[in-house]
Amino acid sequence: MKFNFDIECSPDEARRFLGLPDVLPLQEKMMKELENRMADSIKSMEPDMFIKHWLPMSMQGMQEMQKMFWSQMGVPMTEADKAKKKT
């Protein structure tokens, strides 16, 4: 025998029905704390350090990643590699 139940309720009603804790106040507090810490960090950083911290992928890093992708495909990236390939 098989029974199917369709229950319409909000996520909050389902949470309360199942006896799960309400984490919304904790989540709001943690997000506010995270926001405050990020704002303090941004205020204390110099612009170049801010860029390095949030955008760690420099041009050299991009070139290294590109070389890695090309090497995986068996395609040389540098002129020296191309010359080796011809001989």
PDB file of N, CA and C in Angstrom:
ATOM      1  N   MET A   1       0.847  -1.151   0.000  1.00  0.00           N
ATOM      2  CA  MET A   1       0.000   0.000   0.000  1.00  0.00           C
ATOM      3  C   MET A   1       0.910   1.238   0.000  1.00  0.00           C
ATOM      4  N   LYS A   2       0.533   2.240  -0.760  1.00  0.00           N
ATOM      5  CA  LYS A   2       1.356   3.428  -0.891  1.00  0.00           C
ATOM      6  C   LYS A   2       0.507   4.671  -0.675  1.00  0.00           C
ATOM      7  N   PHE A   3       1.026   5.596   0.136  1.00  0.00           N
ATOM      8  CA  PHE A   3       0.337   6.849   0.403  1.00  0.00           C
ATOM      9  C   PHE A   3       1.206   8.005  -0.058  1.00  0.00           C
ATOM     10  N   ASN A   4       0.585   9.000  -0.647  1.00  0.00           N
ATOM     11  CA  ASN A   4       1.271  10.227  -1.030  1.00  0.00           C
ATOM     12  C   ASN A   4       0.584  11.395  -0.346  1.00  0.00           C
ATOM     13  N   PHE A   5       1.392  12.284   0.222  1.00  0.00           N
ATOM     14  CA  PHE A   5       0.872  13.465   0.878  1.00  0.00           C
ATOM     15  C   PHE A   5       1.469  14.695   0.205  1.00  0.00           C
ATOM     16  N   ASP A   6       0.658  15.632  -0.154  1.00  0.00           N
ATOM     17  CA  ASP A   6       1.106  16.915  -0.665  1.00  0.00           C
ATOM     18  C   ASP A   6       0.819  17.961   0.406  1.00  0.00           C
ATOM     19  N   ILE A   7       1.884  18.561   0.890  1.00  0.00           N
ATOM     20  CA  ILE A   7       1.741  19.550   1.955  1.00  0.00           C
ATOM     21  C   ILE A   7       2.268  20.877   1.438  1.00  0.00           C
ATOM     22  N   GLU A   8       1.449  21.899   1.546  1.00  0.00           N
ATOM     23  CA  GLU A   8       1.868  23.235   1.151  1.00  0.00           C
ATOM     24  C   GLU A   8       2.168  24.029   2.408  1.00  0.00           C
ATOM     25  N   CYS A   9       3.425  24.456   2.512  1.00  0.00           N
ATOM     26  CA  CYS A   9       3.825  25.280   3.647  1.00  0.00           C
ATOM     27  C   CYS A   9       5.089  26.041   3.276  1.00  0.00           C
ATOM     28  N   SER A  10       5.352  27.070   4.016  1.00  0.00           N
ATOM     29  CA  SER A  10       6.560  27.858   3.775  1.00  0.00           C
ATOM     30  C   SER A  10       7.758  27.125   4.386  1.00  0.00           C
ATOM     31  N   PRO A  11       8.972  27.478   3.988  1.00  0.00           N
ATOM     32  CA  PRO A  11      10.151  26.862   4.605  1.00  0.00           C
ATOM     33  C   PRO A  11      10.192  27.081   6.125  1.00  0.00           C
ATOM     34  N   ASP A  12       9.745  28.256   6.566  1.00  0.00           N
ATOM     35  CA  ASP A  12       9.737  28.535   8.001  1.00  0.00           C
ATOM     36  C   ASP A  12       8.749  27.624   8.724  1.00  0.00           C
ATOM     37  N   GLU A  13       7.576  27.412   8.133  1.00  0.00           N
ATOM     38  CA  GLU A  13       6.582  26.513   8.738  1.00  0.00           C
ATOM     39  C   GLU A  13       7.108  25.080   8.780  1.00  0.00           C
ATOM     40  N   ALA A  14       7.768  24.643   7.733  1.00  0.00           N
ATOM     41  CA  ALA A  14       8.330  23.286   7.699  1.00  0.00           C
ATOM     42  C   ALA A  14       9.413  23.132   8.757  1.00  0.00           C
ATOM     43  N   ARG A  15      10.262  24.161   8.899  1.00  0.00           N
ATOM     44  CA  ARG A  15      11.319  24.123   9.904  1.00  0.00           C
ATOM     45  C   ARG A  15      10.735  23.988  11.301  1.00  0.00           C
ATOM     46  N   ARG A  16       9.732  24.806  11.597  1.00  0.00           N
ATOM     47  CA  ARG A  16       9.101  24.750  12.926  1.00  0.00           C
ATOM     48  C   ARG A  16       8.403  23.408  13.142  1.00  0.00           C
ATOM     49  N   PHE A  17       7.736  22.874  12.111  1.00  0.00           N
ATOM     50  CA  PHE A  17       7.030  21.603  12.230  1.00  0.00           C
ATOM     51  C   PHE A  17       8.001  20.467  12.539  1.00  0.00           C
ATOM     52  N   LEU A  18       9.175  20.506  11.899  1.00  0.00           N
ATOM     53  CA  LEU A  18      10.168  19.450  12.105  1.00  0.00           C
ATOM     54  C   LEU A  18      11.000  19.670  13.367  1.00  0.00           C
ATOM     55  N   GLY A  19      10.829  20.818  14.016  1.00  0.00           N
ATOM     56  CA  GLY A  19      11.550  21.085  15.255  1.00  0.00           C
ATOM     57  C   GLY A  19      12.980  21.535  15.053  1.00  0.00           C
ATOM     58  N   LEU A  20      13.278  22.045  13.879  1.00  0.00           N
ATOM     59  CA  LEU A  20      14.634  22.515  13.618  1.00  0.00           C
ATOM     60  C   LEU A  20      14.825  23.913  14.196  1.00  0.00           C
ATOM     61  N   PRO A  21      16.054  24.240  14.597  1.00  0.00           N
ATOM     62  CA  PRO A  21      16.286  25.554  15.207  1.00  0.00           C
ATOM     63  C   PRO A  21      16.205  26.684  14.177  1.00  0.00           C
ATOM     64  N   ASP A  22      15.858  27.855  14.655  1.00  0.00           N
ATOM     65  CA  ASP A  22      15.805  29.046  13.808  1.00  0.00           C
ATOM     66  C   ASP A  22      17.198  29.669  13.801  1.00  0.00           C
ATOM     67  N   VAL A  23      17.908  29.561  12.686  1.00  0.00           N
ATOM     68  CA  VAL A  23      19.282  30.061  12.589  1.00  0.00           C
ATOM     69  C   VAL A  23      19.355  31.437  11.943  1.00  0.00           C
ATOM     70  N   LEU A  24      18.235  32.023  11.609  1.00  0.00           N
ATOM     71  CA  LEU A  24      18.226  33.329  10.947  1.00  0.00           C
ATOM     72  C   LEU A  24      18.905  34.417  11.784  1.00  0.00           C
ATOM     73  N   PRO A  25      18.620  34.540  13.094  1.00  0.00           N
ATOM     74  CA  PRO A  25      19.321  35.567  13.879  1.00  0.00           C
ATOM     75  C   PRO A  25      20.844  35.350  13.904  1.00  0.00           C
ATOM     76  N   LEU A  26      21.265  34.107  14.032  1.00  0.00           N
ATOM     77  CA  LEU A  26      22.694  33.790  14.031  1.00  0.00           C
ATOM     78  C   LEU A  26      23.321  34.145  12.687  1.00  0.00           C
ATOM     79  N   GLN A  27      22.635  33.784  11.608  1.00  0.00           N
ATOM     80  CA  GLN A  27      23.135  34.075  10.269  1.00  0.00           C
ATOM     81  C   GLN A  27      23.255  35.583  10.051  1.00  0.00           C
ATOM     82  N   GLU A  28      22.255  36.343  10.477  1.00  0.00           N
ATOM     83  CA  GLU A  28      22.309  37.798  10.317  1.00  0.00           C
ATOM     84  C   GLU A  28      23.461  38.394  11.119  1.00  0.00           C
ATOM     85  N   LYS A  29      23.679  37.888  12.341  1.00  0.00           N
ATOM     86  CA  LYS A  29      24.767  38.371  13.185  1.00  0.00           C
ATOM     87  C   LYS A  29      26.121  38.059  12.538  1.00  0.00           C
ATOM     88  N   MET A  30      26.281  36.841  12.036  1.00  0.00           N
ATOM     89  CA  MET A  30      27.543  36.445  11.412  1.00  0.00           C
ATOM     90  C   MET A  30      27.810  37.246  10.137  1.00  0.00           C
ATOM     91  N   MET A  31      26.789  37.494   9.345  1.00  0.00           N
ATOM     92  CA  MET A  31      26.971  38.274   8.121  1.00  0.00           C
ATOM     93  C   MET A  31      27.348  39.717   8.440  1.00  0.00           C
ATOM     94  N   LYS A  32      26.749  40.288   9.491  1.00  0.00           N
ATOM     95  CA  LYS A  32      27.089  41.648   9.916  1.00  0.00           C
ATOM     96  C   LYS A  32      28.536  41.705  10.386  1.00  0.00           C
ATOM     97  N   GLU A  33      28.965  40.710  11.147  1.00  0.00           N
ATOM     98  CA  GLU A  33      30.345  40.642  11.626  1.00  0.00           C
ATOM     99  C   GLU A  33      31.316  40.510  10.456  1.00  0.00           C
ATOM    100  N   LEU A  34      30.982  39.668   9.486  1.00  0.00           N
ATOM    101  CA  LEU A  34      31.815  39.500   8.302  1.00  0.00           C
ATOM    102  C   LEU A  34      31.907  40.810   7.520  1.00  0.00           C
ATOM    103  N   GLU A  35      30.786  41.490   7.384  1.00  0.00           N
ATOM    104  CA  GLU A  35      30.757  42.774   6.682  1.00  0.00           C
ATOM    105  C   GLU A  35      31.642  43.803   7.393  1.00  0.00           C
ATOM    106  N   ASN A  36      31.557  43.862   8.726  1.00  0.00           N
ATOM    107  CA  ASN A  36      32.389  44.795   9.494  1.00  0.00           C
ATOM    108  C   ASN A  36      33.871  44.486   9.343  1.00  0.00           C
ATOM    109  N   ARG A  37      34.224  43.198   9.407  1.00  0.00           N
ATOM    110  CA  ARG A  37      35.634  42.813   9.265  1.00  0.00           C
ATOM    111  C   ARG A  37      36.160  43.148   7.873  1.00  0.00           C
ATOM    112  N   MET A  38      35.357  42.898   6.850  1.00  0.00           N
ATOM    113  CA  MET A  38      35.787  43.219   5.483  1.00  0.00           C
ATOM    114  C   MET A  38      35.964  44.722   5.310  1.00  0.00           C
ATOM    115  N   ALA A  39      35.042  45.507   5.864  1.00  0.00           N
ATOM    116  CA  ALA A  39      35.150  46.965   5.762  1.00  0.00           C
ATOM    117  C   ALA A  39      36.399  47.467   6.478  1.00  0.00           C
ATOM    118  N   ASP A  40      36.693  46.934   7.668  1.00  0.00           N
ATOM    119  CA  ASP A  40      37.903  47.313   8.391  1.00  0.00           C
ATOM    120  C   ASP A  40      39.150  46.932   7.611  1.00  0.00           C
ATOM    121  N   SER A  41      39.130  45.751   7.016  1.00  0.00           N
ATOM    122  CA  SER A  41      40.272  45.285   6.228  1.00  0.00           C
ATOM    123  C   SER A  41      40.504  46.174   5.009  1.00  0.00           C
ATOM    124  N   ILE A  42      39.427  46.555   4.352  1.00  0.00           N
ATOM    125  CA  ILE A  42      39.534  47.406   3.166  1.00  0.00           C
ATOM    126  C   ILE A  42      40.070  48.777   3.543  1.00  0.00           C
ATOM    127  N   LYS A  43      39.626  49.311   4.678  1.00  0.00           N
ATOM    128  CA  LYS A  43      40.088  50.630   5.117  1.00  0.00           C
ATOM    129  C   LYS A  43      41.579  50.631   5.432  1.00  0.00           C
ATOM    130  N   SER A  44      42.081  49.543   5.999  1.00  0.00           N
ATOM    131  CA  SER A  44      43.476  49.499   6.413  1.00  0.00           C
ATOM    132  C   SER A  44      44.435  49.121   5.277  1.00  0.00           C
ATOM    133  N   MET A  45      43.939  48.611   4.182  1.00  0.00           N
ATOM    134  CA  MET A  45      44.808  48.190   3.082  1.00  0.00           C
ATOM    135  C   MET A  45      45.137  49.334   2.145  1.00  0.00           C
ATOM    136  N   GLU A  46      46.350  49.273   1.639  1.00  0.00           N
ATOM    137  CA  GLU A  46      46.731  50.193   0.578  1.00  0.00           C
ATOM    138  C   GLU A  46      46.140  49.655  -0.720  1.00  0.00           C
ATOM    139  N   PRO A  47      45.912  50.528  -1.710  1.00  0.00           N
ATOM    140  CA  PRO A  47      45.273  50.073  -2.959  1.00  0.00           C
ATOM    141  C   PRO A  47      46.001  48.914  -3.651  1.00  0.00           C
ATOM    142  N   ASP A  48      47.348  48.951  -3.704  1.00  0.00           N
ATOM    143  CA  ASP A  48      48.057  47.859  -4.376  1.00  0.00           C
ATOM    144  C   ASP A  48      47.936  46.547  -3.608  1.00  0.00           C
ATOM    145  N   MET A  49      47.923  46.618  -2.268  1.00  0.00           N
ATOM    146  CA  MET A  49      47.739  45.406  -1.472  1.00  0.00           C
ATOM    147  C   MET A  49      46.313  44.870  -1.621  1.00  0.00           C
ATOM    148  N   PHE A  50      45.366  45.784  -1.736  1.00  0.00           N
ATOM    149  CA  PHE A  50      43.972  45.378  -1.926  1.00  0.00           C
ATOM    150  C   PHE A  50      43.842  44.579  -3.227  1.00  0.00           C
ATOM    151  N   ILE A  51      44.436  45.088  -4.299  1.00  0.00           N
ATOM    152  CA  ILE A  51      44.377  44.399  -5.591  1.00  0.00           C
ATOM    153  C   ILE A  51      45.062  43.049  -5.504  1.00  0.00           C
ATOM    154  N   LYS A  52      46.233  42.990  -4.871  1.00  0.00           N
ATOM    155  CA  LYS A  52      46.953  41.717  -4.739  1.00  0.00           C
ATOM    156  C   LYS A  52      46.168  40.717  -3.904  1.00  0.00           C
ATOM    157  N   HIS A  53      45.486  41.216  -2.877  1.00  0.00           N
ATOM    158  CA  HIS A  53      44.720  40.327  -1.990  1.00  0.00           C
ATOM    159  C   HIS A  53      43.475  39.769  -2.678  1.00  0.00           C
ATOM    160  N   TRP A  54      42.749  40.619  -3.386  1.00  0.00           N
ATOM    161  CA  TRP A  54      41.487  40.197  -3.991  1.00  0.00           C
ATOM    162  C   TRP A  54      41.638  39.662  -5.403  1.00  0.00           C
ATOM    163  N   LEU A  55      42.717  40.028  -6.089  1.00  0.00           N
ATOM    164  CA  LEU A  55      42.961  39.537  -7.440  1.00  0.00           C
ATOM    165  C   LEU A  55      44.347  38.895  -7.495  1.00  0.00           C
ATOM    166  N   PRO A  56      44.504  37.709  -6.916  1.00  0.00           N
ATOM    167  CA  PRO A  56      45.830  37.108  -6.821  1.00  0.00           C
ATOM    168  C   PRO A  56      46.395  36.644  -8.166  1.00  0.00           C
ATOM    169  N   MET A  57      45.555  36.582  -9.190  1.00  0.00           N
ATOM    170  CA  MET A  57      45.996  36.091 -10.481  1.00  0.00           C
ATOM    171  C   MET A  57      46.655  37.230 -11.261  1.00  0.00           C
ATOM    172  N   SER A  58      47.968  37.383 -11.114  1.00  0.00           N
ATOM    173  CA  SER A  58      48.676  38.429 -11.851  1.00  0.00           C
ATOM    174  C   SER A  58      48.875  38.000 -13.297  1.00  0.00           C
ATOM    175  N   MET A  59      49.431  38.896 -14.094  1.00  0.00           N
ATOM    176  CA  MET A  59      49.672  38.556 -15.500  1.00  0.00           C
ATOM    177  C   MET A  59      50.639  37.380 -15.615  1.00  0.00           C
ATOM    178  N   GLN A  60      51.656  37.352 -14.743  1.00  0.00           N
ATOM    179  CA  GLN A  60      52.592  36.243 -14.777  1.00  0.00           C
ATOM    180  C   GLN A  60      51.870  34.936 -14.438  1.00  0.00           C
ATOM    181  N   GLY A  61      50.982  34.995 -13.469  1.00  0.00           N
ATOM    182  CA  GLY A  61      50.212  33.809 -13.110  1.00  0.00           C
ATOM    183  C   GLY A  61      49.320  33.357 -14.252  1.00  0.00           C
ATOM    184  N   MET A  62      48.746  34.312 -14.978  1.00  0.00           N
ATOM    185  CA  MET A  62      47.912  33.961 -16.137  1.00  0.00           C
ATOM    186  C   MET A  62      48.757  33.297 -17.217  1.00  0.00           C
ATOM    187  N   GLN A  63      49.974  33.819 -17.439  1.00  0.00           N
ATOM    188  CA  GLN A  63      50.855  33.235 -18.449  1.00  0.00           C
ATOM    189  C   GLN A  63      51.260  31.822 -18.051  1.00  0.00           C
ATOM    190  N   GLU A  64      51.552  31.616 -16.784  1.00  0.00           N
ATOM    191  CA  GLU A  64      51.912  30.280 -16.317  1.00  0.00           C
ATOM    192  C   GLU A  64      50.747  29.305 -16.496  1.00  0.00           C
ATOM    193  N   MET A  65      49.555  29.758 -16.189  1.00  0.00           N
ATOM    194  CA  MET A  65      48.384  28.907 -16.360  1.00  0.00           C
ATOM    195  C   MET A  65      48.183  28.573 -17.837  1.00  0.00           C
ATOM    196  N   GLN A  66      48.376  29.561 -18.719  1.00  0.00           N
ATOM    197  CA  GLN A  66      48.239  29.336 -20.149  1.00  0.00           C
ATOM    198  C   GLN A  66      49.280  28.338 -20.639  1.00  0.00           C
ATOM    199  N   LYS A  67      50.519  28.472 -20.152  1.00  0.00           N
ATOM    200  CA  LYS A  67      51.560  27.513 -20.523  1.00  0.00           C
ATOM    201  C   LYS A  67      51.182  26.105 -20.087  1.00  0.00           C
ATOM    202  N   MET A  68      50.628  25.992 -18.896  1.00  0.00           N
ATOM    203  CA  MET A  68      50.227  24.684 -18.396  1.00  0.00           C
ATOM    204  C   MET A  68      49.149  24.074 -19.287  1.00  0.00           C
ATOM    205  N   PHE A  69      48.144  24.884 -19.675  1.00  0.00           N
ATOM    206  CA  PHE A  69      47.090  24.369 -20.548  1.00  0.00           C
ATOM    207  C   PHE A  69      47.652  23.919 -21.888  1.00  0.00           C
ATOM    208  N   TRP A  70      48.520  24.752 -22.478  1.00  0.00           N
ATOM    209  CA  TRP A  70      49.091  24.399 -23.777  1.00  0.00           C
ATOM    210  C   TRP A  70      49.974  23.170 -23.668  1.00  0.00           C
ATOM    211  N   SER A  71      50.730  23.036 -22.577  1.00  0.00           N
ATOM    212  CA  SER A  71      51.594  21.861 -22.433  1.00  0.00           C
ATOM    213  C   SER A  71      50.763  20.592 -22.296  1.00  0.00           C
ATOM    214  N   GLN A  72      49.597  20.707 -21.677  1.00  0.00           N
ATOM    215  CA  GLN A  72      48.719  19.547 -21.561  1.00  0.00           C
ATOM    216  C   GLN A  72      48.214  19.088 -22.924  1.00  0.00           C
ATOM    217  N   MET A  73      48.109  20.047 -23.843  1.00  0.00           N
ATOM    218  CA  MET A  73      47.664  19.710 -25.196  1.00  0.00           C
ATOM    219  C   MET A  73      48.835  19.349 -26.108  1.00  0.00           C
ATOM    220  N   GLY A  74      50.060  19.434 -25.570  1.00  0.00           N
ATOM    221  CA  GLY A  74      51.235  19.082 -26.362  1.00  0.00           C
ATOM    222  C   GLY A  74      51.694  20.185 -27.281  1.00  0.00           C
ATOM    223  N   VAL A  75      51.295  21.405 -27.043  1.00  0.00           N
ATOM    224  CA  VAL A  75      51.686  22.538 -27.876  1.00  0.00           C
ATOM    225  C   VAL A  75      52.714  23.366 -27.108  1.00  0.00           C
ATOM    226  N   PRO A  76      53.937  23.578 -27.700  1.00  0.00           N
ATOM    227  CA  PRO A  76      54.943  24.380 -27.005  1.00  0.00           C
ATOM    228  C   PRO A  76      54.559  25.859 -26.964  1.00  0.00           C
ATOM    229  N   MET A  77      54.990  26.556 -25.898  1.00  0.00           N
ATOM    230  CA  MET A  77      54.634  27.962 -25.748  1.00  0.00           C
ATOM    231  C   MET A  77      55.777  28.906 -26.084  1.00  0.00           C
ATOM    232  N   THR A  78      57.020  28.520 -25.803  1.00  0.00           N
ATOM    233  CA  THR A  78      58.132  29.436 -26.012  1.00  0.00           C
ATOM    234  C   THR A  78      58.809  29.159 -27.342  1.00  0.00           C
ATOM    235  N   GLU A  79      59.599  30.110 -27.813  1.00  0.00           N
ATOM    236  CA  GLU A  79      60.344  29.946 -29.059  1.00  0.00           C
ATOM    237  C   GLU A  79      61.352  28.813 -28.934  1.00  0.00           C
ATOM    238  N   ALA A  80      61.990  28.672 -27.749  1.00  0.00           N
ATOM    239  CA  ALA A  80      62.941  27.598 -27.530  1.00  0.00           C
ATOM    240  C   ALA A  80      62.259  26.238 -27.651  1.00  0.00           C
ATOM    241  N   ASP A  81      61.064  26.149 -27.130  1.00  0.00           N
ATOM    242  CA  ASP A  81      60.311  24.899 -27.242  1.00  0.00           C
ATOM    243  C   ASP A  81      59.977  24.613 -28.702  1.00  0.00           C
ATOM    244  N   LYS A  82      59.623  25.658 -29.464  1.00  0.00           N
ATOM    245  CA  LYS A  82      59.312  25.468 -30.879  1.00  0.00           C
ATOM    246  C   LYS A  82      60.520  25.015 -31.650  1.00  0.00           C
ATOM    247  N   ALA A  83      61.688  25.571 -31.324  1.00  0.00           N
ATOM    248  CA  ALA A  83      62.928  25.196 -32.017  1.00  0.00           C
ATOM    249  C   ALA A  83      63.273  23.744 -31.700  1.00  0.00           C
ATOM    250  N   LYS A  84      63.089  23.311 -30.466  1.00  0.00           N
ATOM    251  CA  LYS A  84      63.350  21.922 -30.084  1.00  0.00           C
ATOM    252  C   LYS A  84      62.439  20.983 -30.853  1.00  0.00           C
ATOM    253  N   LYS A  85      61.225  21.381 -31.051  1.00  0.00           N
ATOM    254  CA  LYS A  85      60.221  20.560 -31.723  1.00  0.00           C
ATOM    255  C   LYS A  85      60.602  20.320 -33.183  1.00  0.00           C
ATOM    256  N   LYS A  86      61.210  21.358 -33.840  1.00  0.00           N
ATOM    257  CA  LYS A  86      61.571  21.265 -35.262  1.00  0.00           C
ATOM    258  C   LYS A  86      62.749  20.339 -35.480  1.00  0.00           C
ATOM    259  N   THR A  87      63.646  20.186 -34.485  1.00  0.00           N
ATOM    260  CA  THR A  87      64.845  19.367 -34.685  1.00  0.00           C
ATOM    261  C   THR A  87      64.615  17.935 -34.390  1.00  0.00           C
TER     262      THR A  87
END
